[in-house]
Structure formats: C-alpha cells, structure tokens
Amino acid sequence: MRRRIGGISEKMLIQTLRRLERNGFVARQAYAEVPPRVEYSLTPLGASLSGPITLLDHWVERHLPDIAAAQGAFDRRAA
C-alpha cells in the first residue's frame, strides 16, 4: 500500500490505518506467517464513503484554479 500511495512514511501509514480501523472504515486481518502479513479491506461503512469522496474529488478538480490562487495569495502574505 505504501508503494502505491507514495510519499508517506511507514509510521504515518500505520497511524492512519489504525485511525481508520478504530473508526470502522477498514478491517485489519493479521496472518501468523513468516514474514508477518497484514491485509486491510474496506468495511461496508468505509465503502459507503466512495460516493461522497468521489463528489469531493470532482469538486476539487473543478476548483483547482481557485485553490491555487488562494494558496498563492496566502504565500505572498506570509513572505
């Protein structure tokens, strides 16, 4: 998973997955093998987020110029 995401540390990935598991969005299955193996899967609750996240993704894509302009204005004020 870390290779597919890119740019995330092992520690941050584990912390995020633990939070997602705690909140019921993912299920964790550990296997007593050598080397140890763990698999994560979406729960029904996690899968129910697919639609809202897709809508959010489309909104962000439509508003990228506005977001970039806001970031630029913020950075100029901070400099």
Protein backbone atom coordinates (compact mmCIF):
# COMPACT_ATOMS: atom_id res chain seq x y z
CA MET A 1 0.00 0.00 0.00
CA ARG A 2 2.81 2.40 0.87
CA ARG A 3 4.35 1.93 -2.59
CA ARG A 4 1.03 2.68 -4.29
CA ILE A 5 0.41 5.82 -2.25
CA GLY A 6 3.94 7.22 -2.48
CA GLY A 7 5.39 9.94 -0.29
CA ILE A 8 4.12 8.51 3.01
CA SER A 9 6.26 7.11 5.78
CA GLU A 10 5.62 3.68 7.26
CA LYS A 11 4.82 5.31 10.61
CA MET A 12 2.26 7.72 9.14
CA LEU A 13 0.61 4.95 7.11
CA ILE A 14 0.26 2.72 10.18
CA GLN A 15 -1.15 5.59 12.28
CA THR A 16 -3.66 6.44 9.57
CA LEU A 17 -4.74 2.82 9.10
CA ARG A 18 -5.20 2.43 12.86
CA ARG A 19 -7.44 5.52 12.96
CA LEU A 20 -9.44 4.22 10.01
CA GLU A 21 -9.80 0.83 11.72
CA ARG A 22 -10.81 2.45 15.02
CA ASN A 23 -13.50 4.46 13.22
CA GLY A 24 -14.83 1.37 11.45
CA PHE A 25 -13.78 2.30 7.91
CA VAL A 26 -11.29 -0.54 7.39
CA ALA A 27 -10.89 -4.06 8.74
CA ARG A 28 -7.46 -5.47 9.57
CA GLN A 29 -6.57 -9.14 9.17
CA ALA A 30 -3.19 -10.28 10.54
CA TYR A 31 -1.69 -13.60 9.45
CA ALA A 32 0.77 -15.54 11.63
CA GLU A 33 3.29 -16.16 8.87
CA VAL A 34 6.97 -15.58 8.32
CA PRO A 35 7.34 -12.83 7.31
CA PRO A 36 4.23 -11.44 9.03
CA ARG A 37 1.48 -10.31 6.70
CA VAL A 38 -1.42 -7.94 7.28
CA GLU A 39 -4.30 -7.21 4.94
CA TYR A 40 -6.73 -4.30 5.11
CA SER A 41 -10.13 -4.11 3.48
CA LEU A 42 -12.94 -1.61 3.42
CA THR A 43 -15.85 -2.27 5.71
CA PRO A 44 -19.39 -1.54 4.50
CA LEU A 45 -19.12 1.78 6.36
CA GLY A 46 -15.86 2.58 4.57
CA ALA A 47 -17.30 1.59 1.20
CA SER A 48 -20.26 3.91 1.81
CA LEU A 49 -17.81 6.83 1.62
CA SER A 50 -16.98 6.13 -2.02
CA GLY A 51 -19.77 8.34 -3.40
CA PRO A 52 -19.12 11.37 -1.16
CA ILE A 53 -15.36 11.15 -1.73
CA THR A 54 -15.86 10.98 -5.49
CA LEU A 55 -18.06 14.09 -5.31
CA LEU A 56 -15.41 15.88 -3.24
CA ASP A 57 -12.71 14.84 -5.73
CA HIS A 58 -14.73 16.26 -8.63
CA TRP A 59 -15.34 19.49 -6.69
CA VAL A 60 -11.61 19.90 -6.03
CA GLU A 61 -10.79 19.30 -9.70
CA ARG A 62 -13.31 21.99 -10.76
CA HIS A 63 -11.93 24.47 -8.24
CA LEU A 64 -8.19 23.88 -8.63
CA PRO A 65 -7.58 27.33 -10.13
CA ASP A 66 -9.38 28.96 -7.17
CA ILE A 67 -7.43 26.83 -4.70
CA ALA A 68 -4.11 27.66 -6.39
CA ALA A 69 -4.97 31.37 -6.35
CA ALA A 70 -5.83 31.23 -2.63
CA GLN A 71 -2.57 29.41 -1.89
CA GLY A 72 -0.59 31.97 -3.88
CA ALA A 73 -2.25 34.87 -2.08
CA PHE A 74 -1.58 33.25 1.30
CA ASP A 75 2.06 32.56 0.44
CA ARG A 76 2.61 36.15 -0.71
CA ARG A 77 1.18 37.49 2.56
CA ALA A 78 3.32 35.07 4.60
CA ALA A 79 6.55 36.07 2.85
